[in-house]
Amino acid sequence: MKRWRWVMIPATIMGMVVYAISMYSMEENYLKRENQGGIAFLSGGVGQYEREILKEQGKAYSLKLIFSNRKGEYLSNVVVTIFDQKGEKILFTVSFGPWLFINLPSGVFNLEASFQGDHKKVPKIRIEKGTQKVHAIQW
């Protein structure tokens, strides 16, 4: 009986470690990390664990967008388009979660966001080097 216990304790600990690592990897796979035309962006935040990961990783991005309804409930699958000052489209994506981080260069940008066919426009978002602009959009 003692021999069995000495085998089960390490096996149980190993199983818990493997489970924790697989959960971390699975959660991180839900984050959408891409680069479009030299502009890096990251989205996700469906669960608390994902938001904790994004809170750290998102610090390096110049723009943070937060999507919710009027009740304050987070939304995902938001279509986002960013335009430069000339009106040219520089980014088009669909957010995997309620948080979208975009690494824009310094300048002024216009944004359009759409959720279930309802469009919102955010004009003149000013991005300054070394800072993060946070903007919440509600439907």
C-alpha atoms as a PDB file:
ATOM      1  CA  MET A   1       0.000   0.000   0.000  1.00  0.00           C
ATOM      2  CA  LYS A   2       2.828   2.448   0.868  1.00  0.00           C
ATOM      3  CA  ARG A   3       4.514   1.742  -2.467  1.00  0.00           C
ATOM      4  CA  TRP A   4       1.284   2.595  -4.340  1.00  0.00           C
ATOM      5  CA  ARG A   5       1.023   5.912  -2.463  1.00  0.00           C
ATOM      6  CA  TRP A   6       4.587   6.874  -3.441  1.00  0.00           C
ATOM      7  CA  VAL A   7       3.715   6.288  -7.089  1.00  0.00           C
ATOM      8  CA  MET A   8       0.357   8.114  -6.985  1.00  0.00           C
ATOM      9  CA  ILE A   9       1.600  11.316  -5.309  1.00  0.00           C
ATOM     10  CA  PRO A  10       4.162  12.212  -8.026  1.00  0.00           C
ATOM     11  CA  ALA A  11       1.740  11.070 -10.753  1.00  0.00           C
ATOM     12  CA  THR A  12      -0.985  13.319  -9.340  1.00  0.00           C
ATOM     13  CA  ILE A  13       1.367  16.301  -9.091  1.00  0.00           C
ATOM     14  CA  MET A  14       2.601  15.706 -12.633  1.00  0.00           C
ATOM     15  CA  GLY A  15      -0.985  15.479 -13.871  1.00  0.00           C
ATOM     16  CA  MET A  16      -1.885  18.802 -12.222  1.00  0.00           C
ATOM     17  CA  VAL A  17       1.150  20.509 -13.781  1.00  0.00           C
ATOM     18  CA  VAL A  18       0.315  19.167 -17.256  1.00  0.00           C
ATOM     19  CA  TYR A  19      -3.327  20.256 -16.816  1.00  0.00           C
ATOM     20  CA  ALA A  20      -2.311  23.788 -15.747  1.00  0.00           C
ATOM     21  CA  ILE A  21       0.074  24.148 -18.692  1.00  0.00           C
ATOM     22  CA  SER A  22      -2.526  22.886 -21.167  1.00  0.00           C
ATOM     23  CA  MET A  23      -5.162  25.286 -19.776  1.00  0.00           C
ATOM     24  CA  TYR A  24      -2.724  28.197 -20.101  1.00  0.00           C
ATOM     25  CA  SER A  25      -1.865  27.213 -23.677  1.00  0.00           C
ATOM     26  CA  MET A  26      -5.518  26.697 -24.596  1.00  0.00           C
ATOM     27  CA  GLU A  27      -6.538  30.081 -23.184  1.00  0.00           C
ATOM     28  CA  GLU A  28      -3.700  31.851 -24.995  1.00  0.00           C
ATOM     29  CA  ASN A  29      -4.701  30.207 -28.292  1.00  0.00           C
ATOM     30  CA  TYR A  30      -7.991  32.110 -28.134  1.00  0.00           C
ATOM     31  CA  LEU A  31      -6.120  35.400 -28.325  1.00  0.00           C
ATOM     32  CA  LYS A  32      -5.893  36.776 -31.830  1.00  0.00           C
ATOM     33  CA  ARG A  33      -2.431  38.207 -32.505  1.00  0.00           C
ATOM     34  CA  GLU A  34      -1.801  39.518 -36.008  1.00  0.00           C
ATOM     35  CA  ASN A  35       0.028  42.066 -38.082  1.00  0.00           C
ATOM     36  CA  GLN A  36      -1.566  43.857 -41.021  1.00  0.00           C
ATOM     37  CA  GLY A  37       0.427  46.261 -43.160  1.00  0.00           C
ATOM     38  CA  GLY A  38       3.000  46.704 -40.402  1.00  0.00           C
ATOM     39  CA  ILE A  39       0.371  47.358 -37.722  1.00  0.00           C
ATOM     40  CA  ALA A  40       0.371  44.797 -34.918  1.00  0.00           C
ATOM     41  CA  PHE A  41      -2.843  44.064 -33.045  1.00  0.00           C
ATOM     42  CA  LEU A  42      -4.070  41.692 -30.370  1.00  0.00           C
ATOM     43  CA  SER A  43      -7.625  40.842 -29.329  1.00  0.00           C
ATOM     44  CA  GLY A  44      -9.441  38.597 -26.892  1.00  0.00           C
ATOM     45  CA  GLY A  45     -10.493  38.857 -23.275  1.00  0.00           C
ATOM     46  CA  VAL A  46     -13.535  36.583 -23.288  1.00  0.00           C
ATOM     47  CA  GLY A  47     -12.793  35.261 -19.782  1.00  0.00           C
ATOM     48  CA  GLN A  48     -11.129  36.691 -16.695  1.00  0.00           C
ATOM     49  CA  TYR A  49      -7.998  34.626 -17.305  1.00  0.00           C
ATOM     50  CA  GLU A  50      -7.639  35.963 -20.854  1.00  0.00           C
ATOM     51  CA  ARG A  51      -8.097  39.532 -19.620  1.00  0.00           C
ATOM     52  CA  GLU A  52      -5.296  39.021 -17.094  1.00  0.00           C
ATOM     53  CA  ILE A  53      -2.993  37.869 -19.908  1.00  0.00           C
ATOM     54  CA  LEU A  54      -4.065  40.781 -22.125  1.00  0.00           C
ATOM     55  CA  LYS A  55      -3.609  43.306 -19.331  1.00  0.00           C
ATOM     56  CA  GLU A  56       0.125  42.516 -19.346  1.00  0.00           C
ATOM     57  CA  GLN A  57       0.625  41.931 -23.069  1.00  0.00           C
ATOM     58  CA  GLY A  58      -1.475  44.936 -24.061  1.00  0.00           C
ATOM     59  CA  LYS A  59       0.761  47.475 -22.326  1.00  0.00           C
ATOM     60  CA  ALA A  60       2.995  47.603 -25.401  1.00  0.00           C
ATOM     61  CA  TYR A  61       0.158  48.775 -27.717  1.00  0.00           C
ATOM     62  CA  SER A  62      -0.743  52.412 -28.347  1.00  0.00           C
ATOM     63  CA  LEU A  63      -4.536  51.941 -28.529  1.00  0.00           C
ATOM     64  CA  LYS A  64      -6.859  49.824 -26.383  1.00  0.00           C
ATOM     65  CA  LEU A  65     -10.489  49.447 -27.446  1.00  0.00           C
ATOM     66  CA  ILE A  66     -13.128  48.020 -25.111  1.00  0.00           C
ATOM     67  CA  PHE A  67     -16.451  46.814 -26.525  1.00  0.00           C
ATOM     68  CA  SER A  68     -19.651  46.475 -24.465  1.00  0.00           C
ATOM     69  CA  ASN A  69     -23.393  46.968 -24.553  1.00  0.00           C
ATOM     70  CA  ARG A  70     -25.192  49.662 -22.561  1.00  0.00           C
ATOM     71  CA  LYS A  71     -25.588  47.243 -19.632  1.00  0.00           C
ATOM     72  CA  GLY A  72     -21.787  46.997 -19.430  1.00  0.00           C
ATOM     73  CA  GLU A  73     -21.670  43.421 -20.731  1.00  0.00           C
ATOM     74  CA  TYR A  74     -18.620  42.741 -22.864  1.00  0.00           C
ATOM     75  CA  LEU A  75     -19.043  42.086 -26.607  1.00  0.00           C
ATOM     76  CA  SER A  76     -16.912  40.166 -29.096  1.00  0.00           C
ATOM     77  CA  ASN A  77     -17.001  39.755 -32.892  1.00  0.00           C
ATOM     78  CA  VAL A  78     -16.832  43.501 -33.404  1.00  0.00           C
ATOM     79  CA  VAL A  79     -15.712  44.562 -36.890  1.00  0.00           C
ATOM     80  CA  VAL A  80     -13.114  47.341 -36.667  1.00  0.00           C
ATOM     81  CA  THR A  81     -11.709  49.514 -39.432  1.00  0.00           C
ATOM     82  CA  ILE A  82      -8.994  52.142 -38.866  1.00  0.00           C
ATOM     83  CA  PHE A  83      -8.373  54.970 -41.326  1.00  0.00           C
ATOM     84  CA  ASP A  84      -5.397  57.320 -41.504  1.00  0.00           C
ATOM     85  CA  GLN A  85      -5.722  61.106 -41.875  1.00  0.00           C
ATOM     86  CA  LYS A  86      -6.008  60.776 -45.657  1.00  0.00           C
ATOM     87  CA  GLY A  87      -9.031  58.496 -45.241  1.00  0.00           C
ATOM     88  CA  GLU A  88      -7.150  55.403 -46.377  1.00  0.00           C
ATOM     89  CA  LYS A  89      -7.989  52.114 -44.692  1.00  0.00           C
ATOM     90  CA  ILE A  90      -4.940  50.893 -42.768  1.00  0.00           C
ATOM     91  CA  LEU A  91      -6.512  48.123 -40.667  1.00  0.00           C
ATOM     92  CA  PHE A  92      -9.552  45.880 -40.915  1.00  0.00           C
ATOM     93  CA  THR A  93     -10.212  43.112 -38.393  1.00  0.00           C
ATOM     94  CA  VAL A  94     -12.799  41.323 -36.295  1.00  0.00           C
ATOM     95  CA  SER A  95     -12.120  41.315 -32.565  1.00  0.00           C
ATOM     96  CA  PHE A  96     -12.006  37.877 -30.883  1.00  0.00           C
ATOM     97  CA  GLY A  97     -13.142  39.418 -27.618  1.00  0.00           C
ATOM     98  CA  PRO A  98     -14.112  42.627 -25.867  1.00  0.00           C
ATOM     99  CA  TRP A  99     -10.557  44.004 -25.824  1.00  0.00           C
ATOM    100  CA  LEU A 100      -8.641  44.999 -28.936  1.00  0.00           C
ATOM    101  CA  PHE A 101      -5.110  46.378 -28.724  1.00  0.00           C
ATOM    102  CA  ILE A 102      -3.658  48.089 -31.796  1.00  0.00           C
ATOM    103  CA  ASN A 103      -0.107  49.381 -32.123  1.00  0.00           C
ATOM    104  CA  LEU A 104      -0.586  52.519 -34.184  1.00  0.00           C
ATOM    105  CA  PRO A 105       2.185  55.027 -34.869  1.00  0.00           C
ATOM    106  CA  SER A 106       1.868  58.597 -33.624  1.00  0.00           C
ATOM    107  CA  GLY A 107      -0.824  60.521 -35.468  1.00  0.00           C
ATOM    108  CA  VAL A 108      -4.558  61.052 -35.767  1.00  0.00           C
ATOM    109  CA  PHE A 109      -6.833  58.229 -36.887  1.00  0.00           C
ATOM    110  CA  ASN A 110     -10.521  57.640 -37.531  1.00  0.00           C
ATOM    111  CA  LEU A 111     -12.193  54.443 -36.426  1.00  0.00           C
ATOM    112  CA  GLU A 112     -15.344  52.627 -37.441  1.00  0.00           C
ATOM    113  CA  ALA A 113     -16.716  49.753 -35.369  1.00  0.00           C
ATOM    114  CA  SER A 114     -19.692  47.584 -36.199  1.00  0.00           C
ATOM    115  CA  PHE A 115     -21.575  45.103 -34.025  1.00  0.00           C
ATOM    116  CA  GLN A 116     -24.467  43.137 -35.522  1.00  0.00           C
ATOM    117  CA  GLY A 117     -24.935  45.746 -38.253  1.00  0.00           C
ATOM    118  CA  ASP A 118     -24.956  48.757 -35.892  1.00  0.00           C
ATOM    119  CA  HIS A 119     -22.102  51.118 -36.840  1.00  0.00           C
ATOM    120  CA  LYS A 120     -20.215  53.518 -34.584  1.00  0.00           C
ATOM    121  CA  LYS A 121     -17.702  56.127 -35.731  1.00  0.00           C
ATOM    122  CA  VAL A 122     -14.932  57.508 -33.561  1.00  0.00           C
ATOM    123  CA  PRO A 123     -13.223  60.430 -35.272  1.00  0.00           C
ATOM    124  CA  LYS A 124      -9.826  61.911 -34.513  1.00  0.00           C
ATOM    125  CA  ILE A 125      -8.210  59.438 -32.156  1.00  0.00           C
ATOM    126  CA  ARG A 126      -4.881  61.045 -31.329  1.00  0.00           C
ATOM    127  CA  ILE A 127      -2.031  58.598 -30.709  1.00  0.00           C
ATOM    128  CA  GLU A 128       1.122  59.875 -29.048  1.00  0.00           C
ATOM    129  CA  LYS A 129       4.407  58.004 -28.800  1.00  0.00           C
ATOM    130  CA  GLY A 130       4.984  56.267 -25.469  1.00  0.00           C
ATOM    131  CA  THR A 131       1.369  56.436 -24.290  1.00  0.00           C
ATOM    132  CA  GLN A 132      -1.701  54.243 -24.562  1.00  0.00           C
ATOM    133  CA  LYS A 133      -5.052  55.694 -25.558  1.00  0.00           C
ATOM    134  CA  VAL A 134      -8.048  53.776 -24.147  1.00  0.00           C
ATOM    135  CA  HIS A 135     -11.428  54.102 -25.813  1.00  0.00           C
ATOM    136  CA  ALA A 136     -14.669  52.310 -24.857  1.00  0.00           C
ATOM    137  CA  ILE A 137     -17.361  51.771 -27.477  1.00  0.00           C
ATOM    138  CA  GLN A 138     -20.903  50.823 -26.448  1.00  0.00           C
ATOM    139  CA  TRP A 139     -23.921  49.608 -28.383  1.00  0.00           C
END
